[in-house]
Amino acid sequence: MPIVQIATNLKTVAPSFLRSLSGCISKLTNKPANDVVVLVTKGIDAFYSDSEDPLAYVRLQSLEMPANVHSAYCQGITDHISNELNIDKGRVIIELCSPPPNNLGKDGKTIADIRNGH
């Protein structure tokens, strides 16, 4: 269940961006699009590299994300956000997190519980 959170100082983000980002994350993680959660916070105050130019801070959480995919994920996410939101690639900052299944839940259960049939 990948969860991608984006905070940006852009004032507007087209609703279609959420769906397109879900597809991008689905493809990168090889997880069904209906399992991808996309959260966008727009209009934040943000400053980076001595500038208030458009930027995006991205946090992707995905269970058991192997380290050997991190570079590909960063490239794919950066390209997508840069193309869709017109943010310079150097201003897309990404944090990748891989929580264990007992630290993420849905439907009142942890993912570990769901996998174990509880």
PDB file of N, CA and C in Angstrom:
ATOM      1  N   MET A   1       0.843  -1.173   0.000  1.00  0.00           N
ATOM      2  CA  MET A   1       0.000   0.000   0.000  1.00  0.00           C
ATOM      3  C   MET A   1       0.891   1.241   0.000  1.00  0.00           C
ATOM      4  N   PRO A   2       1.385   1.672  -1.155  1.00  0.00           N
ATOM      5  CA  PRO A   2       2.207   2.868  -1.219  1.00  0.00           C
ATOM      6  C   PRO A   2       1.401   4.117  -0.842  1.00  0.00           C
ATOM      7  N   ILE A   3       2.039   4.982  -0.092  1.00  0.00           N
ATOM      8  CA  ILE A   3       1.449   6.262   0.285  1.00  0.00           C
ATOM      9  C   ILE A   3       2.423   7.342  -0.163  1.00  0.00           C
ATOM     10  N   VAL A   4       1.951   8.257  -0.994  1.00  0.00           N
ATOM     11  CA  VAL A   4       2.803   9.352  -1.444  1.00  0.00           C
ATOM     12  C   VAL A   4       2.175  10.660  -0.986  1.00  0.00           C
ATOM     13  N   GLN A   5       2.978  11.461  -0.301  1.00  0.00           N
ATOM     14  CA  GLN A   5       2.549  12.760   0.190  1.00  0.00           C
ATOM     15  C   GLN A   5       3.396  13.818  -0.506  1.00  0.00           C
ATOM     16  N   ILE A   6       2.737  14.847  -1.001  1.00  0.00           N
ATOM     17  CA  ILE A   6       3.440  15.945  -1.636  1.00  0.00           C
ATOM     18  C   ILE A   6       2.998  17.243  -0.986  1.00  0.00           C
ATOM     19  N   ALA A   7       3.976  18.038  -0.611  1.00  0.00           N
ATOM     20  CA  ALA A   7       3.722  19.396  -0.134  1.00  0.00           C
ATOM     21  C   ALA A   7       4.395  20.330  -1.134  1.00  0.00           C
ATOM     22  N   THR A   8       3.655  21.321  -1.608  1.00  0.00           N
ATOM     23  CA  THR A   8       4.194  22.240  -2.602  1.00  0.00           C
ATOM     24  C   THR A   8       3.735  23.663  -2.318  1.00  0.00           C
ATOM     25  N   ASN A   9       4.545  24.600  -2.751  1.00  0.00           N
ATOM     26  CA  ASN A   9       4.148  25.995  -2.615  1.00  0.00           C
ATOM     27  C   ASN A   9       3.330  26.480  -3.812  1.00  0.00           C
ATOM     28  N   LEU A  10       3.037  25.604  -4.753  1.00  0.00           N
ATOM     29  CA  LEU A  10       2.115  25.962  -5.831  1.00  0.00           C
ATOM     30  C   LEU A  10       0.741  26.232  -5.230  1.00  0.00           C
ATOM     31  N   LYS A  11       0.054  27.216  -5.750  1.00  0.00           N
ATOM     32  CA  LYS A  11      -1.276  27.559  -5.231  1.00  0.00           C
ATOM     33  C   LYS A  11      -2.351  26.604  -5.720  1.00  0.00           C
ATOM     34  N   THR A  12      -2.170  26.074  -6.931  1.00  0.00           N
ATOM     35  CA  THR A  12      -3.165  25.166  -7.491  1.00  0.00           C
ATOM     36  C   THR A  12      -2.479  23.927  -8.061  1.00  0.00           C
ATOM     37  N   VAL A  13      -3.173  22.821  -7.946  1.00  0.00           N
ATOM     38  CA  VAL A  13      -2.747  21.548  -8.536  1.00  0.00           C
ATOM     39  C   VAL A  13      -4.003  20.928  -9.137  1.00  0.00           C
ATOM     40  N   ALA A  14      -3.942  20.607 -10.415  1.00  0.00           N
ATOM     41  CA  ALA A  14      -5.110  20.042 -11.092  1.00  0.00           C
ATOM     42  C   ALA A  14      -5.511  18.719 -10.444  1.00  0.00           C
ATOM     43  N   PRO A  15      -6.821  18.491 -10.274  1.00  0.00           N
ATOM     44  CA  PRO A  15      -7.272  17.219  -9.710  1.00  0.00           C
ATOM     45  C   PRO A  15      -6.761  16.004 -10.499  1.00  0.00           C
ATOM     46  N   SER A  16      -6.556  16.164 -11.793  1.00  0.00           N
ATOM     47  CA  SER A  16      -6.063  15.048 -12.604  1.00  0.00           C
ATOM     48  C   SER A  16      -4.646  14.631 -12.206  1.00  0.00           C
ATOM     49  N   PHE A  17      -3.906  15.528 -11.552  1.00  0.00           N
ATOM     50  CA  PHE A  17      -2.551  15.200 -11.112  1.00  0.00           C
ATOM     51  C   PHE A  17      -2.565  14.054 -10.101  1.00  0.00           C
ATOM     52  N   LEU A  18      -3.542  14.031  -9.219  1.00  0.00           N
ATOM     53  CA  LEU A  18      -3.610  12.969  -8.214  1.00  0.00           C
ATOM     54  C   LEU A  18      -3.726  11.602  -8.880  1.00  0.00           C
ATOM     55  N   ARG A  19      -4.588  11.506  -9.882  1.00  0.00           N
ATOM     56  CA  ARG A  19      -4.770  10.240 -10.602  1.00  0.00           C
ATOM     57  C   ARG A  19      -3.509   9.866 -11.378  1.00  0.00           C
ATOM     58  N   SER A  20      -2.896  10.848 -12.030  1.00  0.00           N
ATOM     59  CA  SER A  20      -1.690  10.538 -12.812  1.00  0.00           C
ATOM     60  C   SER A  20      -0.535  10.142 -11.904  1.00  0.00           C
ATOM     61  N   LEU A  21      -0.427  10.784 -10.738  1.00  0.00           N
ATOM     62  CA  LEU A  21       0.633  10.408  -9.797  1.00  0.00           C
ATOM     63  C   LEU A  21       0.376   9.013  -9.237  1.00  0.00           C
ATOM     64  N   SER A  22      -0.879   8.676  -8.987  1.00  0.00           N
ATOM     65  CA  SER A  22      -1.222   7.330  -8.531  1.00  0.00           C
ATOM     66  C   SER A  22      -0.753   6.298  -9.552  1.00  0.00           C
ATOM     67  N   GLY A  23      -0.990   6.573 -10.826  1.00  0.00           N
ATOM     68  CA  GLY A  23      -0.534   5.668 -11.884  1.00  0.00           C
ATOM     69  C   GLY A  23       0.973   5.550 -11.932  1.00  0.00           C
ATOM     70  N   CYS A  24       1.660   6.671 -11.765  1.00  0.00           N
ATOM     71  CA  CYS A  24       3.126   6.673 -11.753  1.00  0.00           C
ATOM     72  C   CYS A  24       3.661   5.817 -10.610  1.00  0.00           C
ATOM     73  N   ILE A  25       3.115   6.004  -9.411  1.00  0.00           N
ATOM     74  CA  ILE A  25       3.574   5.252  -8.240  1.00  0.00           C
ATOM     75  C   ILE A  25       3.224   3.775  -8.399  1.00  0.00           C
ATOM     76  N   SER A  26       2.059   3.485  -8.938  1.00  0.00           N
ATOM     77  CA  SER A  26       1.651   2.103  -9.186  1.00  0.00           C
ATOM     78  C   SER A  26       2.652   1.404 -10.104  1.00  0.00           C
ATOM     79  N   LYS A  27       3.014   2.083 -11.168  1.00  0.00           N
ATOM     80  CA  LYS A  27       3.963   1.512 -12.135  1.00  0.00           C
ATOM     81  C   LYS A  27       5.342   1.317 -11.501  1.00  0.00           C
ATOM     82  N   LEU A  28       5.818   2.329 -10.769  1.00  0.00           N
ATOM     83  CA  LEU A  28       7.144   2.231 -10.147  1.00  0.00           C
ATOM     84  C   LEU A  28       7.218   1.104  -9.122  1.00  0.00           C
ATOM     85  N   THR A  29       6.183   0.995  -8.291  1.00  0.00           N
ATOM     86  CA  THR A  29       6.201   0.029  -7.188  1.00  0.00           C
ATOM     87  C   THR A  29       5.642  -1.337  -7.574  1.00  0.00           C
ATOM     88  N   ASN A  30       5.061  -1.407  -8.763  1.00  0.00           N
ATOM     89  CA  ASN A  30       4.428  -2.652  -9.212  1.00  0.00           C
ATOM     90  C   ASN A  30       3.306  -3.080  -8.256  1.00  0.00           C
ATOM     91  N   LYS A  31       2.567  -2.079  -7.778  1.00  0.00           N
ATOM     92  CA  LYS A  31       1.416  -2.319  -6.901  1.00  0.00           C
ATOM     93  C   LYS A  31       0.167  -1.807  -7.614  1.00  0.00           C
ATOM     94  N   PRO A  32      -0.992  -2.407  -7.359  1.00  0.00           N
ATOM     95  CA  PRO A  32      -2.220  -1.951  -8.018  1.00  0.00           C
ATOM     96  C   PRO A  32      -2.522  -0.482  -7.707  1.00  0.00           C
ATOM     97  N   ALA A  33      -2.986   0.255  -8.696  1.00  0.00           N
ATOM     98  CA  ALA A  33      -3.294   1.674  -8.517  1.00  0.00           C
ATOM     99  C   ALA A  33      -4.335   1.895  -7.420  1.00  0.00           C
ATOM    100  N   ASN A  34      -5.252   0.953  -7.239  1.00  0.00           N
ATOM    101  CA  ASN A  34      -6.273   1.131  -6.199  1.00  0.00           C
ATOM    102  C   ASN A  34      -5.708   0.941  -4.792  1.00  0.00           C
ATOM    103  N   ASP A  35      -4.435   0.553  -4.671  1.00  0.00           N
ATOM    104  CA  ASP A  35      -3.777   0.461  -3.366  1.00  0.00           C
ATOM    105  C   ASP A  35      -2.917   1.682  -3.065  1.00  0.00           C
ATOM    106  N   VAL A  36      -2.787   2.599  -4.019  1.00  0.00           N
ATOM    107  CA  VAL A  36      -1.927   3.774  -3.851  1.00  0.00           C
ATOM    108  C   VAL A  36      -2.727   4.920  -3.229  1.00  0.00           C
ATOM    109  N   VAL A  37      -2.182   5.498  -2.162  1.00  0.00           N
ATOM    110  CA  VAL A  37      -2.781   6.666  -1.520  1.00  0.00           C
ATOM    111  C   VAL A  37      -1.970   7.893  -1.938  1.00  0.00           C
ATOM    112  N   VAL A  38      -2.651   8.923  -2.433  1.00  0.00           N
ATOM    113  CA  VAL A  38      -2.002  10.164  -2.851  1.00  0.00           C
ATOM    114  C   VAL A  38      -2.568  11.310  -2.016  1.00  0.00           C
ATOM    115  N   LEU A  39      -1.681  12.038  -1.363  1.00  0.00           N
ATOM    116  CA  LEU A  39      -2.068  13.196  -0.559  1.00  0.00           C
ATOM    117  C   LEU A  39      -1.275  14.401  -1.041  1.00  0.00           C
ATOM    118  N   VAL A  40      -1.964  15.480  -1.377  1.00  0.00           N
ATOM    119  CA  VAL A  40      -1.296  16.689  -1.853  1.00  0.00           C
ATOM    120  C   VAL A  40      -1.703  17.865  -0.977  1.00  0.00           C
ATOM    121  N   THR A  41      -0.713  18.554  -0.465  1.00  0.00           N
ATOM    122  CA  THR A  41      -0.922  19.797   0.264  1.00  0.00           C
ATOM    123  C   THR A  41      -0.327  20.909  -0.583  1.00  0.00           C
ATOM    124  N   LYS A  42      -1.150  21.847  -0.974  1.00  0.00           N
ATOM    125  CA  LYS A  42      -0.681  22.925  -1.853  1.00  0.00           C
ATOM    126  C   LYS A  42      -0.723  24.263  -1.115  1.00  0.00           C
ATOM    127  N   GLY A  43       0.003  25.218  -1.666  1.00  0.00           N
ATOM    128  CA  GLY A  43      -0.023  26.566  -1.120  1.00  0.00           C
ATOM    129  C   GLY A  43       0.752  26.751   0.174  1.00  0.00           C
ATOM    130  N   ILE A  44       1.708  25.868   0.454  1.00  0.00           N
ATOM    131  CA  ILE A  44       2.487  26.001   1.684  1.00  0.00           C
ATOM    132  C   ILE A  44       3.531  27.103   1.521  1.00  0.00           C
ATOM    133  N   ASP A  45       3.987  27.638   2.626  1.00  0.00           N
ATOM    134  CA  ASP A  45       5.138  28.527   2.608  1.00  0.00           C
ATOM    135  C   ASP A  45       6.363  27.634   2.539  1.00  0.00           C
ATOM    136  N   ALA A  46       7.230  27.879   1.566  1.00  0.00           N
ATOM    137  CA  ALA A  46       8.404  27.029   1.390  1.00  0.00           C
ATOM    138  C   ALA A  46       9.576  27.848   0.867  1.00  0.00           C
ATOM    139  N   PHE A  47      10.744  27.502   1.349  1.00  0.00           N
ATOM    140  CA  PHE A  47      11.977  28.184   0.963  1.00  0.00           C
ATOM    141  C   PHE A  47      13.072  27.147   0.846  1.00  0.00           C
ATOM    142  N   TYR A  48      13.778  27.166  -0.275  1.00  0.00           N
ATOM    143  CA  TYR A  48      14.868  26.210  -0.497  1.00  0.00           C
ATOM    144  C   TYR A  48      15.883  26.844  -1.440  1.00  0.00           C
ATOM    145  N   SER A  49      17.139  26.649  -1.149  1.00  0.00           N
ATOM    146  CA  SER A  49      18.229  27.118  -1.998  1.00  0.00           C
ATOM    147  C   SER A  49      18.110  28.614  -2.295  1.00  0.00           C
ATOM    148  N   ASP A  50      17.865  29.359  -1.201  1.00  0.00           N
ATOM    149  CA  ASP A  50      17.801  30.821  -1.270  1.00  0.00           C
ATOM    150  C   ASP A  50      16.704  31.326  -2.199  1.00  0.00           C
ATOM    151  N   SER A  51      15.588  30.561  -2.276  1.00  0.00           N
ATOM    152  CA  SER A  51      14.532  30.928  -3.220  1.00  0.00           C
ATOM    153  C   SER A  51      13.169  30.426  -2.751  1.00  0.00           C
ATOM    154  N   GLU A  52      12.142  31.147  -3.155  1.00  0.00           N
ATOM    155  CA  GLU A  52      10.757  30.721  -2.943  1.00  0.00           C
ATOM    156  C   GLU A  52      10.132  30.229  -4.239  1.00  0.00           C
ATOM    157  N   ASP A  53      10.971  29.893  -5.233  1.00  0.00           N
ATOM    158  CA  ASP A  53      10.474  29.346  -6.497  1.00  0.00           C
ATOM    159  C   ASP A  53       9.696  28.057  -6.225  1.00  0.00           C
ATOM    160  N   PRO A  54       8.856  27.643  -7.173  1.00  0.00           N
ATOM    161  CA  PRO A  54       8.079  26.414  -6.977  1.00  0.00           C
ATOM    162  C   PRO A  54       8.961  25.224  -6.579  1.00  0.00           C
ATOM    163  N   LEU A  55       8.469  24.471  -5.609  1.00  0.00           N
ATOM    164  CA  LEU A  55       9.165  23.263  -5.172  1.00  0.00           C
ATOM    165  C   LEU A  55       8.140  22.234  -4.734  1.00  0.00           C
ATOM    166  N   ALA A  56       8.602  21.004  -4.629  1.00  0.00           N
ATOM    167  CA  ALA A  56       7.759  19.919  -4.117  1.00  0.00           C
ATOM    168  C   ALA A  56       8.598  19.075  -3.179  1.00  0.00           C
ATOM    169  N   TYR A  57       8.059  18.843  -1.985  1.00  0.00           N
ATOM    170  CA  TYR A  57       8.649  17.887  -1.048  1.00  0.00           C
ATOM    171  C   TYR A  57       7.775  16.649  -1.133  1.00  0.00           C
ATOM    172  N   VAL A  58       8.397  15.513  -1.420  1.00  0.00           N
ATOM    173  CA  VAL A  58       7.664  14.270  -1.640  1.00  0.00           C
ATOM    174  C   VAL A  58       8.121  13.243  -0.619  1.00  0.00           C
ATOM    175  N   ARG A  59       7.156  12.563  -0.026  1.00  0.00           N
ATOM    176  CA  ARG A  59       7.471  11.454   0.880  1.00  0.00           C
ATOM    177  C   ARG A  59       6.720  10.228   0.376  1.00  0.00           C
ATOM    178  N   LEU A  60       7.474   9.213  -0.006  1.00  0.00           N
ATOM    179  CA  LEU A  60       6.882   7.955  -0.455  1.00  0.00           C
ATOM    180  C   LEU A  60       7.142   6.887   0.587  1.00  0.00           C
ATOM    181  N   GLN A  61       6.060   6.291   1.066  1.00  0.00           N
ATOM    182  CA  GLN A  61       6.156   5.144   1.966  1.00  0.00           C
ATOM    183  C   GLN A  61       5.644   3.932   1.208  1.00  0.00           C
ATOM    184  N   SER A  62       6.427   2.888   1.231  1.00  0.00           N
ATOM    185  CA  SER A  62       6.006   1.648   0.596  1.00  0.00           C
ATOM    186  C   SER A  62       6.626   0.498   1.366  1.00  0.00           C
ATOM    187  N   LEU A  63       5.812  -0.498   1.657  1.00  0.00           N
ATOM    188  CA  LEU A  63       6.285  -1.633   2.436  1.00  0.00           C
ATOM    189  C   LEU A  63       7.420  -2.363   1.731  1.00  0.00           C
ATOM    190  N   GLU A  64       8.411  -2.704   2.517  1.00  0.00           N
ATOM    191  CA  GLU A  64       9.505  -3.561   2.052  1.00  0.00           C
ATOM    192  C   GLU A  64      10.111  -3.077   0.735  1.00  0.00           C
ATOM    193  N   MET A  65      10.432  -1.795   0.677  1.00  0.00           N
ATOM    194  CA  MET A  65      11.025  -1.189  -0.509  1.00  0.00           C
ATOM    195  C   MET A  65      12.527  -1.493  -0.519  1.00  0.00           C
ATOM    196  N   PRO A  66      12.989  -2.304  -1.467  1.00  0.00           N
ATOM    197  CA  PRO A  66      14.417  -2.625  -1.492  1.00  0.00           C
ATOM    198  C   PRO A  66      15.261  -1.415  -1.899  1.00  0.00           C
ATOM    199  N   ALA A  67      16.427  -1.311  -1.317  1.00  0.00           N
ATOM    200  CA  ALA A  67      17.317  -0.172  -1.578  1.00  0.00           C
ATOM    201  C   ALA A  67      17.712  -0.062  -3.047  1.00  0.00           C
ATOM    202  N   ASN A  68      17.732  -1.179  -3.753  1.00  0.00           N
ATOM    203  CA  ASN A  68      18.180  -1.129  -5.154  1.00  0.00           C
ATOM    204  C   ASN A  68      17.170  -0.459  -6.089  1.00  0.00           C
ATOM    205  N   VAL A  69      15.990  -0.075  -5.599  1.00  0.00           N
ATOM    206  CA  VAL A  69      15.011   0.618  -6.441  1.00  0.00           C
ATOM    207  C   VAL A  69      14.938   2.112  -6.127  1.00  0.00           C
ATOM    208  N   HIS A  70      15.633   2.556  -5.112  1.00  0.00           N
ATOM    209  CA  HIS A  70      15.521   3.947  -4.674  1.00  0.00           C
ATOM    210  C   HIS A  70      15.852   4.937  -5.789  1.00  0.00           C
ATOM    211  N   SER A  71      16.927   4.717  -6.504  1.00  0.00           N
ATOM    212  CA  SER A  71      17.312   5.647  -7.569  1.00  0.00           C
ATOM    213  C   SER A  71      16.257   5.707  -8.667  1.00  0.00           C
ATOM    214  N   ALA A  72      15.734   4.557  -9.061  1.00  0.00           N
ATOM    215  CA  ALA A  72      14.700   4.522 -10.100  1.00  0.00           C
ATOM    216  C   ALA A  72      13.423   5.221  -9.618  1.00  0.00           C
ATOM    217  N   TYR A  73      13.067   5.028  -8.363  1.00  0.00           N
ATOM    218  CA  TYR A  73      11.891   5.690  -7.810  1.00  0.00           C
ATOM    219  C   TYR A  73      12.093   7.204  -7.816  1.00  0.00           C
ATOM    220  N   CYS A  74      13.250   7.653  -7.354  1.00  0.00           N
ATOM    221  CA  CYS A  74      13.526   9.093  -7.335  1.00  0.00           C
ATOM    222  C   CYS A  74      13.461   9.684  -8.735  1.00  0.00           C
ATOM    223  N   GLN A  75      14.044   9.000  -9.704  1.00  0.00           N
ATOM    224  CA  GLN A  75      14.029   9.503 -11.071  1.00  0.00           C
ATOM    225  C   GLN A  75      12.614   9.552 -11.620  1.00  0.00           C
ATOM    226  N   GLY A  76      11.849   8.489 -11.447  1.00  0.00           N
ATOM    227  CA  GLY A  76      10.484   8.435 -11.963  1.00  0.00           C
ATOM    228  C   GLY A  76       9.575   9.479 -11.329  1.00  0.00           C
ATOM    229  N   ILE A  77       9.670   9.635 -10.022  1.00  0.00           N
ATOM    230  CA  ILE A  77       8.844  10.617  -9.314  1.00  0.00           C
ATOM    231  C   ILE A  77       9.238  12.029  -9.722  1.00  0.00           C
ATOM    232  N   THR A  78      10.535  12.294  -9.761  1.00  0.00           N
ATOM    233  CA  THR A  78      11.012  13.624 -10.156  1.00  0.00           C
ATOM    234  C   THR A  78      10.552  13.976 -11.559  1.00  0.00           C
ATOM    235  N   ASP A  79      10.731  13.065 -12.499  1.00  0.00           N
ATOM    236  CA  ASP A  79      10.310  13.319 -13.878  1.00  0.00           C
ATOM    237  C   ASP A  79       8.810  13.613 -13.947  1.00  0.00           C
ATOM    238  N   HIS A  80       8.025  12.806 -13.250  1.00  0.00           N
ATOM    239  CA  HIS A  80       6.573  12.972 -13.294  1.00  0.00           C
ATOM    240  C   HIS A  80       6.157  14.337 -12.738  1.00  0.00           C
ATOM    241  N   ILE A  81       6.673  14.676 -11.565  1.00  0.00           N
ATOM    242  CA  ILE A  81       6.293  15.946 -10.942  1.00  0.00           C
ATOM    243  C   ILE A  81       6.779  17.127 -11.772  1.00  0.00           C
ATOM    244  N   SER A  82       7.988  17.040 -12.277  1.00  0.00           N
ATOM    245  CA  SER A  82       8.526  18.119 -13.105  1.00  0.00           C
ATOM    246  C   SER A  82       7.675  18.322 -14.359  1.00  0.00           C
ATOM    247  N   ASN A  83       7.315  17.225 -15.012  1.00  0.00           N
ATOM    248  CA  ASN A  83       6.508  17.305 -16.235  1.00  0.00           C
ATOM    249  C   ASN A  83       5.083  17.781 -15.966  1.00  0.00           C
ATOM    250  N   GLU A  84       4.472  17.257 -14.922  1.00  0.00           N
ATOM    251  CA  GLU A  84       3.060  17.554 -14.654  1.00  0.00           C
ATOM    252  C   GLU A  84       2.843  18.905 -13.973  1.00  0.00           C
ATOM    253  N   LEU A  85       3.761  19.290 -13.084  1.00  0.00           N
ATOM    254  CA  LEU A  85       3.571  20.519 -12.313  1.00  0.00           C
ATOM    255  C   LEU A  85       4.503  21.645 -12.722  1.00  0.00           C
ATOM    256  N   ASN A  86       5.369  21.354 -13.687  1.00  0.00           N
ATOM    257  CA  ASN A  86       6.313  22.354 -14.175  1.00  0.00           C
ATOM    258  C   ASN A  86       7.207  22.893 -13.053  1.00  0.00           C
ATOM    259  N   ILE A  87       7.698  21.987 -12.225  1.00  0.00           N
ATOM    260  CA  ILE A  87       8.639  22.328 -11.163  1.00  0.00           C
ATOM    261  C   ILE A  87      10.011  21.851 -11.604  1.00  0.00           C
ATOM    262  N   ASP A  88      11.003  22.705 -11.476  1.00  0.00           N
ATOM    263  CA  ASP A  88      12.365  22.345 -11.837  1.00  0.00           C
ATOM    264  C   ASP A  88      12.788  21.075 -11.093  1.00  0.00           C
ATOM    265  N   LYS A  89      13.424  20.156 -11.799  1.00  0.00           N
ATOM    266  CA  LYS A  89      13.819  18.870 -11.195  1.00  0.00           C
ATOM    267  C   LYS A  89      14.699  19.058  -9.976  1.00  0.00           C
ATOM    268  N   GLY A  90      15.511  20.097  -9.954  1.00  0.00           N
ATOM    269  CA  GLY A  90      16.380  20.364  -8.809  1.00  0.00           C
ATOM    270  C   GLY A  90      15.634  20.858  -7.590  1.00  0.00           C
ATOM    271  N   ARG A  91      14.331  21.098  -7.739  1.00  0.00           N
ATOM    272  CA  ARG A  91      13.519  21.570  -6.619  1.00  0.00           C
ATOM    273  C   ARG A  91      12.452  20.552  -6.217  1.00  0.00           C
ATOM    274  N   VAL A  92      12.659  19.307  -6.639  1.00  0.00           N
ATOM    275  CA  VAL A  92      11.817  18.187  -6.195  1.00  0.00           C
ATOM    276  C   VAL A  92      12.651  17.397  -5.197  1.00  0.00           C
ATOM    277  N   ILE A  93      12.266  17.463  -3.942  1.00  0.00           N
ATOM    278  CA  ILE A  93      12.991  16.823  -2.851  1.00  0.00           C
ATOM    279  C   ILE A  93      12.193  15.592  -2.425  1.00  0.00           C
ATOM    280  N   ILE A  94      12.871  14.439  -2.361  1.00  0.00           N
ATOM    281  CA  ILE A  94      12.159  13.180  -2.114  1.00  0.00           C
ATOM    282  C   ILE A  94      12.725  12.464  -0.891  1.00  0.00           C
ATOM    283  N   GLU A  95      11.810  11.966  -0.069  1.00  0.00           N
ATOM    284  CA  GLU A  95      12.159  11.114   1.066  1.00  0.00           C
ATOM    285  C   GLU A  95      11.487   9.759   0.837  1.00  0.00           C
ATOM    286  N   LEU A  96      12.270   8.696   0.870  1.00  0.00           N
ATOM    287  CA  LEU A  96      11.733   7.342   0.706  1.00  0.00           C
ATOM    288  C   LEU A  96      11.736   6.638   2.058  1.00  0.00           C
ATOM    289  N   CYS A  97      10.618   6.030   2.390  1.00  0.00           N
ATOM    290  CA  CYS A  97      10.468   5.338   3.672  1.00  0.00           C
ATOM    291  C   CYS A  97       9.908   3.944   3.422  1.00  0.00           C
ATOM    292  N   SER A  98      10.435   2.982   4.141  1.00  0.00           N
ATOM    293  CA  SER A  98       9.974   1.607   3.983  1.00  0.00           C
ATOM    294  C   SER A  98       9.612   1.038   5.352  1.00  0.00           C
ATOM    295  N   PRO A  99       8.397   1.350   5.823  1.00  0.00           N
ATOM    296  CA  PRO A  99       8.010   0.856   7.147  1.00  0.00           C
ATOM    297  C   PRO A  99       7.756  -0.651   7.132  1.00  0.00           C
ATOM    298  N   PRO A 100       7.984  -1.304   8.262  1.00  0.00           N
ATOM    299  CA  PRO A 100       7.620  -2.723   8.346  1.00  0.00           C
ATOM    300  C   PRO A 100       6.099  -2.871   8.360  1.00  0.00           C
ATOM    301  N   PRO A 101       5.587  -4.022   7.957  1.00  0.00           N
ATOM    302  CA  PRO A 101       4.138  -4.222   7.845  1.00  0.00           C
ATOM    303  C   PRO A 101       3.357  -4.019   9.152  1.00  0.00           C
ATOM    304  N   ASN A 102       4.020  -4.121  10.289  1.00  0.00           N
ATOM    305  CA  ASN A 102       3.307  -3.900  11.554  1.00  0.00           C
ATOM    306  C   ASN A 102       3.224  -2.410  11.895  1.00  0.00           C
ATOM    307  N   ASN A 103       3.817  -1.528  11.072  1.00  0.00           N
ATOM    308  CA  ASN A 103       3.752  -0.091  11.310  1.00  0.00           C
ATOM    309  C   ASN A 103       2.814   0.632  10.354  1.00  0.00           C
ATOM    310  N   LEU A 104       2.048  -0.107   9.583  1.00  0.00           N
ATOM    311  CA  LEU A 104       1.108   0.489   8.639  1.00  0.00           C
ATOM    312  C   LEU A 104      -0.179  -0.319   8.702  1.00  0.00           C
ATOM    313  N   GLY A 105      -1.306   0.367   8.662  1.00  0.00           N
ATOM    314  CA  GLY A 105      -2.561  -0.364   8.771  1.00  0.00           C
ATOM    315  C   GLY A 105      -3.665   0.230   7.932  1.00  0.00           C
ATOM    316  N   LYS A 106      -4.723  -0.539   7.770  1.00  0.00           N
ATOM    317  CA  LYS A 106      -5.958  -0.095   7.136  1.00  0.00           C
ATOM    318  C   LYS A 106      -7.072  -1.000   7.640  1.00  0.00           C
ATOM    319  N   ASP A 107      -8.288  -0.506   7.581  1.00  0.00           N
ATOM    320  CA  ASP A 107      -9.455  -1.291   7.999  1.00  0.00           C
ATOM    321  C   ASP A 107      -9.331  -1.774   9.446  1.00  0.00           C
ATOM    322  N   GLY A 108      -8.656  -0.961  10.286  1.00  0.00           N
ATOM    323  CA  GLY A 108      -8.537  -1.288  11.707  1.00  0.00           C
ATOM    324  C   GLY A 108      -7.526  -2.362  12.037  1.00  0.00           C
ATOM    325  N   LYS A 109      -6.705  -2.759  11.065  1.00  0.00           N
ATOM    326  CA  LYS A 109      -5.714  -3.811  11.286  1.00  0.00           C
ATOM    327  C   LYS A 109      -4.376  -3.381  10.698  1.00  0.00           C
ATOM    328  N   THR A 110      -3.300  -3.921  11.256  1.00  0.00           N
ATOM    329  CA  THR A 110      -2.008  -3.670  10.623  1.00  0.00           C
ATOM    330  C   THR A 110      -1.912  -4.529   9.362  1.00  0.00           C
ATOM    331  N   ILE A 111      -1.032  -4.127   8.476  1.00  0.00           N
ATOM    332  CA  ILE A 111      -0.812  -4.921   7.256  1.00  0.00           C
ATOM    333  C   ILE A 111      -0.279  -6.300   7.633  1.00  0.00           C
ATOM    334  N   ALA A 112       0.546  -6.352   8.677  1.00  0.00           N
ATOM    335  CA  ALA A 112       1.052  -7.658   9.139  1.00  0.00           C
ATOM    336  C   ALA A 112      -0.108  -8.561   9.551  1.00  0.00           C
ATOM    337  N   ASP A 113      -1.082  -7.999  10.293  1.00  0.00           N
ATOM    338  CA  ASP A 113      -2.261  -8.793  10.693  1.00  0.00           C
ATOM    339  C   ASP A 113      -3.050  -9.270   9.479  1.00  0.00           C
ATOM    340  N   ILE A 114      -3.239  -8.384   8.513  1.00  0.00           N
ATOM    341  CA  ILE A 114      -3.990  -8.746   7.311  1.00  0.00           C
ATOM    342  C   ILE A 114      -3.283  -9.873   6.575  1.00  0.00           C
ATOM    343  N   ARG A 115      -1.976  -9.770   6.452  1.00  0.00           N
ATOM    344  CA  ARG A 115      -1.206 -10.813   5.761  1.00  0.00           C
ATOM    345  C   ARG A 115      -1.270 -12.146   6.506  1.00  0.00           C
ATOM    346  N   ASN A 116      -1.398 -12.087   7.825  1.00  0.00           N
ATOM    347  CA  ASN A 116      -1.457 -13.301   8.628  1.00  0.00           C
ATOM    348  C   ASN A 116      -2.882 -13.829   8.801  1.00  0.00           C
ATOM    349  N   GLY A 117      -3.830 -13.203   8.100  1.00  0.00           N
ATOM    350  CA  GLY A 117      -5.206 -13.690   8.137  1.00  0.00           C
ATOM    351  C   GLY A 117      -5.986 -13.309   9.370  1.00  0.00           C
ATOM    352  N   HIS A 118      -5.563 -12.320  10.095  1.00  0.00           N
ATOM    353  CA  HIS A 118      -6.299 -11.874  11.301  1.00  0.00           C
ATOM    354  C   HIS A 118      -7.279 -10.794  10.983  1.00  0.00           C
TER     355      HIS A 118
END
